[in-house]
C-alpha atoms as a PDB file:
ATOM      1  CA  MET A   1     189.885 -59.621 -38.797  1.00  0.00           C
ATOM      2  CA  ALA A   2     190.168 -63.485 -38.005  1.00  0.00           C
ATOM      3  CA  LEU A   3     187.941 -65.629 -40.084  1.00  0.00           C
ATOM      4  CA  GLY A   4     186.933 -69.326 -39.925  1.00  0.00           C
ATOM      5  CA  TRP A   5     187.224 -71.513 -36.474  1.00  0.00           C
ATOM      6  CA  ALA A   6     189.276 -71.834 -33.813  1.00  0.00           C
ATOM      7  CA  TYR A   7     190.072 -74.979 -31.506  1.00  0.00           C
ATOM      8  CA  ILE A   8     190.427 -74.551 -27.660  1.00  0.00           C
ATOM      9  CA  ASP A   9     191.795 -77.564 -25.459  1.00  0.00           C
ATOM     10  CA  CYS A  10     190.309 -77.349 -22.109  1.00  0.00           C
ATOM     11  CA  SER A  11     191.764 -80.550 -20.804  1.00  0.00           C
ATOM     12  CA  GLY A  12     193.932 -78.849 -18.208  1.00  0.00           C
ATOM     13  CA  SER A  13     191.120 -76.947 -16.868  1.00  0.00           C
ATOM     14  CA  SER A  14     190.024 -79.204 -14.163  1.00  0.00           C
ATOM     15  CA  GLY A  15     191.769 -81.632 -11.421  1.00  0.00           C
ATOM     16  CA  GLY A  16     194.243 -78.733 -10.075  1.00  0.00           C
ATOM     17  CA  GLY A  17     196.241 -78.273 -12.967  1.00  0.00           C
ATOM     18  CA  SER A  18     197.367 -74.947 -14.148  1.00  0.00           C
ATOM     19  CA  GLY A  19     194.301 -72.577 -14.688  1.00  0.00           C
ATOM     20  CA  GLY A  20     192.212 -75.481 -13.307  1.00  0.00           C
ATOM     21  CA  ALA A  21     189.653 -75.792 -10.386  1.00  0.00           C
ATOM     22  CA  SER A  22     189.706 -78.086  -7.484  1.00  0.00           C
ATOM     23  CA  GLY A  23     188.153 -78.748  -3.892  1.00  0.00           C
ATOM     24  CA  PRO A  24     184.891 -80.529  -2.812  1.00  0.00           C
ATOM     25  CA  ILE A  25     181.640 -81.002  -4.292  1.00  0.00           C
ATOM     26  CA  TYR A  26     179.640 -77.906  -3.879  1.00  0.00           C
ATOM     27  CA  SER A  27     182.588 -75.629  -2.814  1.00  0.00           C
ATOM     28  CA  VAL A  28     182.620 -72.078  -3.692  1.00  0.00           C
ATOM     29  CA  GLN A  29     185.964 -71.503  -5.729  1.00  0.00           C
ATOM     30  CA  PHE A  30     188.546 -68.763  -4.638  1.00  0.00           C
ATOM     31  CA  MET A  31     191.991 -67.986  -5.948  1.00  0.00           C
ATOM     32  CA  THR A  32     194.626 -69.456  -4.158  1.00  0.00           C
ATOM     33  CA  ALA A  33     197.826 -67.359  -5.332  1.00  0.00           C
ATOM     34  CA  SER A  34     197.707 -64.167  -7.057  1.00  0.00           C
ATOM     35  CA  GLY A  35     198.604 -64.434 -10.782  1.00  0.00           C
ATOM     36  CA  THR A  36     198.547 -68.227 -10.993  1.00  0.00           C
ATOM     37  CA  GLY A  37     194.967 -68.783 -12.394  1.00  0.00           C
ATOM     38  CA  ILE A  38     194.298 -71.436  -9.949  1.00  0.00           C
ATOM     39  CA  SER A  39     191.382 -71.746  -7.726  1.00  0.00           C
ATOM     40  CA  SER A  40     190.249 -74.189  -5.021  1.00  0.00           C
ATOM     41  CA  GLY A  41     187.325 -74.768  -2.646  1.00  0.00           C
ATOM     42  CA  SER A  42     186.898 -75.596   0.978  1.00  0.00           C
ATOM     43  CA  THR A  43     183.905 -77.612   2.834  1.00  0.00           C
ATOM     44  CA  TYR A  44     183.799 -74.388   5.008  1.00  0.00           C
ATOM     45  CA  PHE A  45     182.358 -72.294   2.426  1.00  0.00           C
ATOM     46  CA  THR A  46     179.891 -74.361  -0.105  1.00  0.00           C
ATOM     47  CA  TYR A  47     176.865 -73.670  -2.230  1.00  0.00           C
ATOM     48  CA  ASN A  48     174.299 -76.404  -2.807  1.00  0.00           C
ATOM     49  CA  HIS A  49     172.360 -75.644  -6.177  1.00  0.00           C
ATOM     50  CA  THR A  50     169.990 -78.248  -5.847  1.00  0.00           C
ATOM     51  CA  SER A  51     168.837 -77.179  -2.387  1.00  0.00           C
ATOM     52  CA  ASN A  52     169.386 -73.419  -2.994  1.00  0.00           C
ATOM     53  CA  ASN A  53     171.669 -73.260   0.418  1.00  0.00           C
ATOM     54  CA  LEU A  54     174.963 -71.388   0.720  1.00  0.00           C
ATOM     55  CA  VAL A  55     176.827 -72.205   3.868  1.00  0.00           C
ATOM     56  CA  LEU A  56     179.683 -70.668   5.656  1.00  0.00           C
ATOM     57  CA  SER A  57     181.380 -72.539   8.607  1.00  0.00           C
ATOM     58  CA  GLY A  58     183.643 -69.742  10.147  1.00  0.00           C
ATOM     59  CA  ASN A  59     183.525 -65.843  10.462  1.00  0.00           C
ATOM     60  CA  LEU A  60     182.088 -63.349   8.207  1.00  0.00           C
ATOM     61  CA  THR A  61     183.126 -59.699   7.964  1.00  0.00           C
ATOM     62  CA  VAL A  62     180.611 -57.394   6.047  1.00  0.00           C
ATOM     63  CA  THR A  63     181.374 -53.624   5.631  1.00  0.00           C
ATOM     64  CA  GLY A  64     178.079 -52.690   3.765  1.00  0.00           C
ATOM     65  CA  THR A  65     174.473 -53.538   4.485  1.00  0.00           C
ATOM     66  CA  ILE A  66     172.860 -56.944   4.731  1.00  0.00           C
ATOM     67  CA  SER A  67     169.192 -57.350   3.815  1.00  0.00           C
ATOM     68  CA  ALA A  68     167.389 -60.619   4.597  1.00  0.00           C
ATOM     69  CA  SER A  69     163.660 -61.677   5.098  1.00  0.00           C
ATOM     70  CA  VAL A  70     164.736 -63.364   8.384  1.00  0.00           C
ATOM     71  CA  PHE A  71     167.475 -63.634  10.671  1.00  0.00           C
ATOM     72  CA  GLN A  72     168.376 -66.303  13.173  1.00  0.00           C
ATOM     73  CA  TYR A  73     171.051 -65.386  15.691  1.00  0.00           C
ATOM     74  CA  ARG A  74     172.815 -67.853  17.991  1.00  0.00           C
ATOM     75  CA  ASP A  75     175.170 -67.287  20.748  1.00  0.00           C
ATOM     76  CA  ILE A  76     175.680 -63.516  20.630  1.00  0.00           C
ATOM     77  CA  THR A  77     177.711 -61.796  23.141  1.00  0.00           C
ATOM     78  CA  VAL A  78     177.538 -58.150  21.952  1.00  0.00           C
ATOM     79  CA  ILE A  79     175.114 -56.099  20.116  1.00  0.00           C
ATOM     80  CA  ASP A  80     176.347 -52.914  18.981  1.00  0.00           C
ATOM     81  CA  ALA A  81     173.845 -50.854  16.996  1.00  0.00           C
ATOM     82  CA  THR A  82     174.105 -46.936  16.040  1.00  0.00           C
ATOM     83  CA  GLY A  83     170.852 -45.209  15.442  1.00  0.00           C
ATOM     84  CA  SER A  84     167.115 -46.493  15.840  1.00  0.00           C
ATOM     85  CA  THR A  85     166.122 -50.127  15.757  1.00  0.00           C
ATOM     86  CA  PHE A  86     162.472 -51.471  15.116  1.00  0.00           C
ATOM     87  CA  PHE A  87     161.512 -55.035  16.132  1.00  0.00           C
ATOM     88  CA  GLY A  88     158.440 -56.365  14.648  1.00  0.00           C
ATOM     89  CA  ASP A  89     155.777 -55.087  12.304  1.00  0.00           C
ATOM     90  CA  THR A  90     152.408 -56.227  13.475  1.00  0.00           C
ATOM     91  CA  SER A  91     150.603 -55.788  17.125  1.00  0.00           C
ATOM     92  CA  ASP A  92     150.625 -59.677  17.412  1.00  0.00           C
ATOM     93  CA  ASP A  93     154.414 -59.851  17.338  1.00  0.00           C
ATOM     94  CA  SER A  94     155.993 -61.447  20.805  1.00  0.00           C
ATOM     95  CA  HIS A  95     159.373 -60.570  21.702  1.00  0.00           C
ATOM     96  CA  ILE A  96     160.943 -62.735  24.331  1.00  0.00           C
ATOM     97  CA  ARG A  97     163.855 -62.053  26.453  1.00  0.00           C
ATOM     98  CA  THR A  98     165.564 -64.469  28.737  1.00  0.00           C
ATOM     99  CA  GLY A  99     167.864 -63.216  31.261  1.00  0.00           C
ATOM    100  CA  SER A 100     167.728 -59.728  33.058  1.00  0.00           C
ATOM    101  CA  LEU A 101     167.339 -56.273  31.018  1.00  0.00           C
ATOM    102  CA  VAL A 102     168.819 -52.651  31.972  1.00  0.00           C
ATOM    103  CA  VAL A 103     167.768 -49.655  29.938  1.00  0.00           C
ATOM    104  CA  THR A 104     170.425 -46.676  30.585  1.00  0.00           C
ATOM    105  CA  THR A 105     171.104 -43.060  29.391  1.00  0.00           C
ATOM    106  CA  ASP A 106     174.662 -44.134  28.059  1.00  0.00           C
ATOM    107  CA  VAL A 107     176.770 -47.001  27.692  1.00  0.00           C
ATOM    108  CA  SER A 108     178.714 -46.697  30.989  1.00  0.00           C
ATOM    109  CA  ASN A 109     175.384 -48.065  32.718  1.00  0.00           C
ATOM    110  CA  THR A 110     175.610 -45.054  35.316  1.00  0.00           C
ATOM    111  CA  THR A 111     172.220 -43.904  35.019  1.00  0.00           C
ATOM    112  CA  PRO A 112     169.925 -46.745  34.837  1.00  0.00           C
ATOM    113  CA  ILE A 113     166.295 -45.864  33.784  1.00  0.00           C
ATOM    114  CA  LEU A 114     164.515 -49.265  33.819  1.00  0.00           C
ATOM    115  CA  SER A 115     165.971 -52.636  35.078  1.00  0.00           C
ATOM    116  CA  ALA A 116     164.358 -55.986  35.515  1.00  0.00           C
ATOM    117  CA  SER A 117     166.486 -58.710  37.337  1.00  0.00           C
ATOM    118  CA  THR A 118     166.163 -62.427  36.832  1.00  0.00           C
ATOM    119  CA  THR A 119     168.043 -62.896  40.299  1.00  0.00           C
ATOM    120  CA  THR A 120     165.809 -60.662  42.500  1.00  0.00           C
ATOM    121  CA  LYS A 121     162.423 -60.948  40.107  1.00  0.00           C
ATOM    122  CA  ALA A 122     162.200 -57.468  40.442  1.00  0.00           C
ATOM    123  CA  VAL A 123     161.648 -54.245  38.287  1.00  0.00           C
ATOM    124  CA  HIS A 124     163.354 -50.735  39.122  1.00  0.00           C
ATOM    125  CA  ILE A 125     162.252 -47.910  37.509  1.00  0.00           C
ATOM    126  CA  GLN A 126     163.578 -44.214  37.748  1.00  0.00           C
ATOM    127  CA  GLY A 127     160.441 -42.524  37.126  1.00  0.00           C
ATOM    128  CA  LEU A 128     156.812 -43.567  36.051  1.00  0.00           C
ATOM    129  CA  ASN A 129     154.822 -41.874  33.766  1.00  0.00           C
ATOM    130  CA  VAL A 130     151.378 -43.546  33.482  1.00  0.00           C
ATOM    131  CA  LEU A 131     148.346 -43.402  31.303  1.00  0.00           C
ATOM    132  CA  TYR A 132     146.016 -40.276  32.430  1.00  0.00           C
ATOM    133  CA  GLU A 133     142.565 -39.358  31.400  1.00  0.00           C
ATOM    134  CA  TYR A 134     140.040 -36.994  32.634  1.00  0.00           C
ATOM    135  CA  ILE A 135     136.258 -36.598  32.977  1.00  0.00           C
ATOM    136  CA  PRO A 136     135.724 -33.180  31.600  1.00  0.00           C
ATOM    137  CA  PRO A 137     133.672 -30.329  33.517  1.00  0.00           C
ATOM    138  CA  THR A 138     130.102 -30.425  33.193  1.00  0.00           C
ATOM    139  CA  SER A 139     126.950 -28.751  34.929  1.00  0.00           C
ATOM    140  CA  SER A 140     124.642 -31.666  34.451  1.00  0.00           C
ATOM    141  CA  LEU A 141     123.225 -33.417  37.541  1.00  0.00           C
ATOM    142  CA  THR A 142     124.487 -36.720  36.633  1.00  0.00           C
ATOM    143  CA  ALA A 143     126.982 -37.273  33.682  1.00  0.00           C
ATOM    144  CA  ILE A 144     127.774 -40.752  32.968  1.00  0.00           C
ATOM    145  CA  TYR A 145     131.196 -41.609  31.731  1.00  0.00           C
ATOM    146  CA  THR A 146     132.976 -45.018  30.656  1.00  0.00           C
ATOM    147  CA  ALA A 147     136.589 -45.179  31.554  1.00  0.00           C
ATOM    148  CA  SER A 148     139.066 -46.227  29.103  1.00  0.00           C
ATOM    149  CA  GLN A 149     140.894 -49.208  28.983  1.00  0.00           C
ATOM    150  CA  PRO A 150     143.644 -49.418  29.676  1.00  0.00           C
ATOM    151  CA  SER A 151     143.767 -46.440  32.051  1.00  0.00           C
ATOM    152  CA  TYR A 152     145.743 -45.985  35.260  1.00  0.00           C
ATOM    153  CA  ILE A 153     144.786 -42.538  36.516  1.00  0.00           C
ATOM    154  CA  ILE A 154     141.271 -40.856  36.025  1.00  0.00           C
ATOM    155  CA  GLY A 155     140.802 -37.316  37.111  1.00  0.00           C
ATOM    156  CA  VAL A 156     137.245 -35.965  37.822  1.00  0.00           C
ATOM    157  CA  ARG A 157     136.686 -32.538  36.604  1.00  0.00           C
ATOM    158  CA  SER A 158     133.226 -32.001  36.500  1.00  0.00           C
ATOM    159  CA  THR A 159     131.479 -30.350  39.782  1.00  0.00           C
ATOM    160  CA  GLY A 160     128.124 -32.214  39.227  1.00  0.00           C
ATOM    161  CA  SER A 161     127.464 -35.505  40.350  1.00  0.00           C
ATOM    162  CA  VAL A 162     129.573 -38.062  37.960  1.00  0.00           C
ATOM    163  CA  GLU A 163     128.629 -41.984  37.459  1.00  0.00           C
ATOM    164  CA  LEU A 164     132.042 -43.718  36.214  1.00  0.00           C
ATOM    165  CA  GLU A 165     131.619 -47.144  34.846  1.00  0.00           C
ATOM    166  CA  ILE A 166     134.752 -48.966  35.565  1.00  0.00           C
ATOM    167  CA  PRO A 167     135.755 -51.454  32.507  1.00  0.00           C
ATOM    168  CA  SER A 168     135.779 -55.538  33.728  1.00  0.00           C
ATOM    169  CA  ALA A 169     138.612 -56.440  35.828  1.00  0.00           C
ATOM    170  CA  ILE A 170     138.628 -59.538  33.841  1.00  0.00           C
ATOM    171  CA  ASN A 171     139.749 -57.483  30.777  1.00  0.00           C
ATOM    172  CA  TYR A 172     142.305 -55.526  32.949  1.00  0.00           C
ATOM    173  CA  LYS A 173     143.921 -58.945  34.095  1.00  0.00           C
ATOM    174  CA  SER A 174     145.185 -59.380  37.951  1.00  0.00           C
ATOM    175  CA  GLY A 175     147.354 -57.079  39.525  1.00  0.00           C
ATOM    176  CA  ALA A 176     146.007 -53.914  37.442  1.00  0.00           C
ATOM    177  CA  ILE A 177     145.871 -50.931  39.390  1.00  0.00           C
ATOM    178  CA  LEU A 178     143.291 -48.009  38.851  1.00  0.00           C
ATOM    179  CA  LEU A 179     143.077 -44.725  40.492  1.00  0.00           C
ATOM    180  CA  ILE A 180     140.343 -42.387  40.562  1.00  0.00           C
ATOM    181  CA  LYS A 181     140.612 -38.589  41.891  1.00  0.00           C
ATOM    182  CA  ASP A 182     138.134 -35.808  42.329  1.00  0.00           C
ATOM    183  CA  GLU A 183     140.216 -32.773  41.194  1.00  0.00           C
ATOM    184  CA  VAL A 184     137.522 -29.974  41.523  1.00  0.00           C
ATOM    185  CA  GLY A 185     136.180 -30.799  45.026  1.00  0.00           C
ATOM    186  CA  HIS A 186     132.088 -32.268  44.815  1.00  0.00           C
ATOM    187  CA  THR A 187     130.276 -30.435  47.435  1.00  0.00           C
ATOM    188  CA  ASN A 188     126.246 -29.452  48.032  1.00  0.00           C
ATOM    189  CA  GLY A 189     125.346 -33.210  47.762  1.00  0.00           C
ATOM    190  CA  THR A 190     127.144 -34.163  44.603  1.00  0.00           C
ATOM    191  CA  ASN A 191     129.190 -37.361  44.488  1.00  0.00           C
ATOM    192  CA  ILE A 192     131.120 -39.542  42.418  1.00  0.00           C
ATOM    193  CA  LYS A 193     129.535 -43.087  41.685  1.00  0.00           C
ATOM    194  CA  LEU A 194     131.880 -45.958  40.494  1.00  0.00           C
ATOM    195  CA  SER A 195     129.575 -48.715  38.715  1.00  0.00           C
ATOM    196  CA  ALA A 196     130.432 -52.005  37.267  1.00  0.00           C
ATOM    197  CA  ALA A 197     129.451 -51.745  33.214  1.00  0.00           C
ATOM    198  CA  THR A 198     128.034 -55.400  33.556  1.00  0.00           C
ATOM    199  CA  ASP A 199     126.998 -58.089  36.156  1.00  0.00           C
ATOM    200  CA  THR A 200     129.917 -60.274  35.596  1.00  0.00           C
ATOM    201  CA  TYR A 201     132.134 -58.488  38.115  1.00  0.00           C
ATOM    202  CA  THR A 202     131.965 -56.079  41.172  1.00  0.00           C
ATOM    203  CA  ILE A 203     133.750 -53.290  42.868  1.00  0.00           C
ATOM    204  CA  GLU A 204     134.341 -53.982  46.483  1.00  0.00           C
ATOM    205  CA  ASN A 205     131.935 -56.738  46.527  1.00  0.00           C
ATOM    206  CA  ASP A 206     129.268 -54.510  45.238  1.00  0.00           C
ATOM    207  CA  HIS A 207     127.945 -53.497  41.531  1.00  0.00           C
ATOM    208  CA  TYR A 208     128.787 -49.673  42.689  1.00  0.00           C
ATOM    209  CA  TYR A 209     130.931 -47.670  45.034  1.00  0.00           C
ATOM    210  CA  ILE A 210     130.225 -44.165  45.767  1.00  0.00           C
ATOM    211  CA  LEU A 211     132.837 -41.536  46.682  1.00  0.00           C
ATOM    212  CA  THR A 212     131.574 -38.302  49.030  1.00  0.00           C
ATOM    213  CA  GLY A 213     132.935 -35.551  50.498  1.00  0.00           C
ATOM    214  CA  SER A 214     135.664 -32.795  49.017  1.00  0.00           C
ATOM    215  CA  ASN A 215     138.424 -34.129  46.837  1.00  0.00           C
ATOM    216  CA  PRO A 216     138.120 -37.801  47.560  1.00  0.00           C
ATOM    217  CA  ALA A 217     140.290 -40.364  45.750  1.00  0.00           C
ATOM    218  CA  ILE A 218     140.161 -44.053  45.565  1.00  0.00           C
ATOM    219  CA  SER A 219     142.700 -46.861  44.488  1.00  0.00           C
ATOM    220  CA  LEU A 220     141.383 -50.000  43.204  1.00  0.00           C
ATOM    221  CA  TYR A 221     143.340 -53.280  42.170  1.00  0.00           C
ATOM    222  CA  SER A 222     142.006 -56.234  39.915  1.00  0.00           C
ATOM    223  CA  ASN A 223     142.483 -59.780  41.061  1.00  0.00           C
ATOM    224  CA  GLY A 224     141.439 -60.991  37.402  1.00  0.00           C
ATOM    225  CA  ALA A 225     137.983 -61.302  38.126  1.00  0.00           C
ATOM    226  CA  ASN A 226     136.598 -58.078  40.527  1.00  0.00           C
ATOM    227  CA  TRP A 227     138.017 -54.801  41.761  1.00  0.00           C
ATOM    228  CA  PHE A 228     138.880 -54.049  45.303  1.00  0.00           C
ATOM    229  CA  VAL A 229     139.857 -51.029  47.289  1.00  0.00           C
ATOM    230  CA  PHE A 230     143.180 -50.631  48.838  1.00  0.00           C
END
């Protein structure tokens, strides 16, 4: 066992000599050759301890997992991800895309399901499955229901007279479409009455619209202020 003290000369540990370190200020050190004990640095890989900022100018290859609070992407050519991905964590998040969009069943793009073109300003959909709700069966003479928002197709299954309150066209926004269909066949003087819930909007320039006959249907669109039949 050694006792006492030892003197170590560190005069050769800097300036690029044997066993020394060199490179520009803030550069992260790396070994210049195997077994030499000499390290150096580059302006392409720096760490500023004052600003707590690590900078890499060049390419980065990661074989494991990267975890970060915020990612900022620039000039991406291909995003190749396996498995499910999630964007956003709250309902007020906004995801904006510039350029066309294509959703397909495979990478060969042979079966497009959804596409949006910035050239034609058109959206193409292979199949459309919209929100559907129904007014349940009832024997009461007049049943009053309020349509959900948003809704696209409303089926009436009640055989008695029905009053259906249509939500505000303002809330539905311009260009919205609403379809109402009698699914059971109203007869013997019963009808389906569409009414505005408030006086702030109209249905075909009135506060109500009545469907009569057997199995009637109606299509409405919103101009952002009122509903119209088409």
